[in-house]
Amino acid sequence: MPVKVPSPSPDQVRWFSDEVHPHESALRAYVSHQFPAIRDVDDVVQDSFLRIWSARARQPIVFAKAFLFRIARHVAIDLVRRSKAAPFNEVRDLQGLYVLDDGPGVVDIVSMQEKIRILAKAIDALPARCREVVILRKLKNIPQSQVAIMLGISGKTVEAQLSRGLKRCEEYFRKRGFQHYYNDESF
């Protein structure tokens, strides 16, 4: 949350120069030593200066050094808590990162989608009974005997319809220049 900084008075500027600013190096050393997890000590020091400046504008501060170090301690503790709640690890060398991506790439996904679209068109072009058999046997992987019972036809008819359907699909691919897409084992 941003802190509102009042306009400086000559008295406040003198006070800050005499009572607060001389402790900057000691404050940096304190924050670095007490809170090694904090990466940017400068941020803690600057935030502490800003807060003590604002506090002095509202009321007098008797022991500036003690108050400054207490502010810095609270600022540092807040930073450490936030970093633990949502850790962020800075990465400087992106090329050196090992990223495991076993998933298919964009080209593979688009290629697979194209194959599926063509296959769907090939199956859609089959006669109704032949289409039913191909879908049940090849896409739903239902055994031949169950397909025969489901459709009320013999096992031989299922076999014949499947054979016709696969040949027509292969023919569909060849006519459109996609013979390399057709593979009976993967279909």
Protein backbone atom coordinates (compact mmCIF):
# COMPACT_ATOMS: atom_id res chain seq x y z
CA MET A 1 0.00 0.00 0.00
CA PRO A 2 1.52 3.35 -1.01
CA VAL A 3 2.44 5.68 1.82
CA LYS A 4 1.45 9.34 1.48
CA VAL A 5 4.49 11.54 1.88
CA PRO A 6 3.82 15.03 3.25
CA SER A 7 5.68 18.07 1.92
CA PRO A 8 8.99 18.52 3.69
CA SER A 9 9.54 21.33 6.14
CA PRO A 10 13.07 22.66 6.71
CA ASP A 11 12.90 21.29 10.26
CA GLN A 12 11.97 17.81 9.03
CA VAL A 13 14.69 17.82 6.37
CA ARG A 14 17.28 18.78 9.03
CA TRP A 15 15.94 16.11 11.40
CA PHE A 16 16.12 13.42 8.67
CA SER A 17 19.66 14.47 7.65
CA ASP A 18 20.92 14.54 11.23
CA GLU A 19 18.97 11.76 12.96
CA VAL A 20 18.01 9.17 10.33
CA HIS A 21 20.20 9.22 7.23
CA PRO A 22 23.50 8.68 9.11
CA HIS A 23 22.26 5.19 10.05
CA GLU A 24 21.78 4.04 6.44
CA SER A 25 24.88 1.82 6.23
CA ALA A 26 24.20 0.26 9.64
CA LEU A 27 20.59 -0.36 8.60
CA ARG A 28 21.71 -2.08 5.37
CA ALA A 29 24.09 -4.30 7.34
CA TYR A 30 21.37 -5.13 9.87
CA VAL A 31 18.80 -6.10 7.22
CA SER A 32 21.35 -8.13 5.23
CA HIS A 33 22.52 -9.99 8.32
CA GLN A 34 19.15 -10.57 10.01
CA PHE A 35 17.16 -11.34 6.85
CA PRO A 36 19.41 -13.14 4.35
CA ALA A 37 16.37 -14.28 2.34
CA ILE A 38 15.69 -10.69 1.26
CA ARG A 39 17.26 -10.07 -2.11
CA ASP A 40 16.79 -6.34 -2.35
CA VAL A 41 17.97 -4.71 0.86
CA ASP A 42 17.74 -1.29 -0.84
CA ASP A 43 13.97 -1.65 -1.07
CA VAL A 44 13.70 -2.33 2.67
CA VAL A 45 15.93 0.65 3.50
CA GLN A 46 14.06 3.04 1.21
CA ASP A 47 10.67 1.86 2.45
CA SER A 48 11.87 2.31 6.04
CA PHE A 49 13.07 5.85 5.28
CA LEU A 50 9.74 6.67 3.69
CA ARG A 51 7.77 5.32 6.65
CA ILE A 52 9.83 7.10 9.28
CA TRP A 53 9.53 10.33 7.28
CA SER A 54 5.74 9.97 7.23
CA ALA A 55 5.59 9.05 10.92
CA ARG A 56 7.71 12.10 11.87
CA ALA A 57 5.30 14.37 9.96
CA ARG A 58 2.46 13.15 12.21
CA GLN A 59 4.25 13.14 15.58
CA PRO A 60 7.68 13.72 17.10
CA ILE A 61 10.08 10.78 17.25
CA VAL A 62 12.42 10.73 20.22
CA PHE A 63 14.71 7.80 19.38
CA ALA A 64 15.04 7.94 15.59
CA LYS A 65 17.59 5.13 15.24
CA ALA A 66 15.60 2.62 17.31
CA PHE A 67 12.39 3.55 15.52
CA LEU A 68 14.08 3.26 12.09
CA PHE A 69 15.43 -0.21 12.87
CA ARG A 70 12.05 -1.35 14.20
CA ILE A 71 10.35 -0.13 11.00
CA ALA A 72 12.97 -1.93 8.89
CA ARG A 73 12.43 -5.12 10.89
CA HIS A 74 8.66 -5.00 10.25
CA VAL A 75 9.16 -4.24 6.55
CA ALA A 76 11.61 -7.14 6.22
CA ILE A 77 9.33 -9.56 8.07
CA ASP A 78 6.44 -8.59 5.78
CA LEU A 79 8.60 -9.20 2.70
CA VAL A 80 9.73 -12.60 3.97
CA ARG A 81 6.14 -13.59 4.74
CA ARG A 82 4.97 -12.53 1.29
CA SER A 83 7.78 -14.40 -0.41
CA LYS A 84 6.87 -17.57 1.51
CA ALA A 85 3.19 -17.19 0.66
CA ALA A 86 3.87 -16.74 -3.03
CA PRO A 87 7.47 -17.75 -3.71
CA PHE A 88 9.07 -16.23 -6.76
CA ASN A 89 12.42 -17.50 -7.91
CA GLU A 90 14.19 -15.20 -10.29
CA VAL A 91 15.57 -16.91 -13.38
CA ARG A 92 18.45 -15.19 -15.13
CA ASP A 93 19.40 -17.82 -17.72
CA LEU A 94 16.29 -19.02 -19.56
CA GLN A 95 18.38 -21.05 -22.01
CA GLY A 96 19.83 -23.08 -19.15
CA LEU A 97 16.45 -24.14 -17.81
CA TYR A 98 15.48 -27.74 -18.31
CA VAL A 99 11.86 -27.83 -19.35
CA LEU A 100 10.24 -31.19 -19.75
CA ASP A 101 7.46 -31.19 -22.30
CA ASP A 102 6.46 -34.66 -23.32
CA GLY A 103 3.23 -33.45 -24.89
CA PRO A 104 2.74 -33.13 -28.60
CA GLY A 105 3.84 -29.94 -30.30
CA VAL A 106 1.58 -27.57 -32.18
CA VAL A 107 2.41 -29.17 -35.53
CA ASP A 108 1.54 -32.63 -34.20
CA ILE A 109 -1.74 -31.42 -32.72
CA VAL A 110 -2.79 -29.66 -35.93
CA SER A 111 -1.78 -32.69 -37.97
CA MET A 112 -3.81 -35.01 -35.72
CA GLN A 113 -6.83 -32.71 -35.91
CA GLU A 114 -6.58 -32.71 -39.71
CA LYS A 115 -6.39 -36.51 -39.77
CA ILE A 116 -9.45 -36.78 -37.53
CA ARG A 117 -11.38 -34.33 -39.71
CA ILE A 118 -10.54 -36.30 -42.87
CA LEU A 119 -11.35 -39.62 -41.18
CA ALA A 120 -14.71 -38.25 -40.02
CA LYS A 121 -15.53 -37.22 -43.58
CA ALA A 122 -14.46 -40.64 -44.90
CA ILE A 123 -16.66 -42.45 -42.37
CA ASP A 124 -19.54 -40.06 -43.04
CA ALA A 125 -19.34 -40.93 -46.76
CA LEU A 126 -19.93 -44.67 -46.03
CA PRO A 127 -23.34 -46.32 -46.52
CA ALA A 128 -25.38 -46.40 -43.29
CA ARG A 129 -24.89 -50.09 -42.31
CA CYS A 130 -21.21 -50.01 -43.24
CA ARG A 131 -20.74 -46.78 -41.21
CA GLU A 132 -22.41 -48.37 -38.16
CA VAL A 133 -20.14 -51.40 -38.30
CA VAL A 134 -16.95 -49.34 -38.77
CA ILE A 135 -17.84 -47.02 -35.88
CA LEU A 136 -18.75 -49.86 -33.53
CA ARG A 137 -15.77 -52.09 -34.39
CA LYS A 138 -12.97 -49.58 -35.00
CA LEU A 139 -13.90 -46.48 -33.03
CA LYS A 140 -15.77 -48.02 -30.09
CA ASN A 141 -13.73 -51.23 -30.16
CA ILE A 142 -16.75 -53.48 -29.63
CA PRO A 143 -16.10 -57.17 -30.39
CA GLN A 144 -17.48 -58.55 -33.66
CA SER A 145 -19.92 -60.91 -31.95
CA GLN A 146 -21.46 -58.08 -29.91
CA VAL A 147 -21.74 -55.84 -32.97
CA ALA A 148 -23.60 -58.68 -34.74
CA ILE A 149 -26.05 -59.00 -31.82
CA MET A 150 -26.51 -55.22 -31.52
CA LEU A 151 -27.29 -54.80 -35.23
CA GLY A 152 -29.18 -58.10 -35.64
CA ILE A 153 -26.84 -59.39 -38.35
CA SER A 154 -24.46 -62.34 -38.60
CA GLY A 155 -20.80 -62.22 -37.65
CA LYS A 156 -19.86 -62.80 -41.30
CA THR A 157 -21.91 -59.77 -42.35
CA VAL A 158 -20.12 -57.66 -39.72
CA GLU A 159 -16.80 -58.86 -41.10
CA ALA A 160 -17.81 -58.13 -44.70
CA GLN A 161 -19.20 -54.65 -43.86
CA LEU A 162 -16.05 -53.80 -41.91
CA SER A 163 -13.82 -54.89 -44.77
CA ARG A 164 -15.87 -52.81 -47.27
CA GLY A 165 -15.86 -49.81 -44.96
CA LEU A 166 -12.10 -49.89 -44.46
CA LYS A 167 -11.48 -50.24 -48.21
CA ARG A 168 -13.78 -47.29 -48.91
CA CYS A 169 -12.02 -45.17 -46.28
CA GLU A 170 -8.66 -46.05 -47.81
CA GLU A 171 -10.03 -45.14 -51.24
CA TYR A 172 -11.37 -41.84 -49.85
CA PHE A 173 -7.89 -40.97 -48.57
CA ARG A 174 -6.15 -41.93 -51.83
CA LYS A 175 -8.52 -39.86 -53.99
CA ARG A 176 -7.69 -36.82 -51.91
CA GLY A 177 -3.93 -37.41 -51.86
CA PHE A 178 -3.79 -38.58 -48.25
CA GLN A 179 -2.76 -42.20 -48.70
CA HIS A 180 0.02 -41.69 -46.12
CA TYR A 181 -2.68 -40.84 -43.51
CA TYR A 182 -4.41 -44.16 -43.87
CA ASN A 183 -3.13 -46.89 -41.64
CA ASP A 184 -5.49 -49.79 -40.89
CA GLU A 185 -3.58 -50.56 -37.67
CA SER A 186 -4.11 -47.08 -36.19
CA PHE A 187 -7.72 -46.94 -37.43
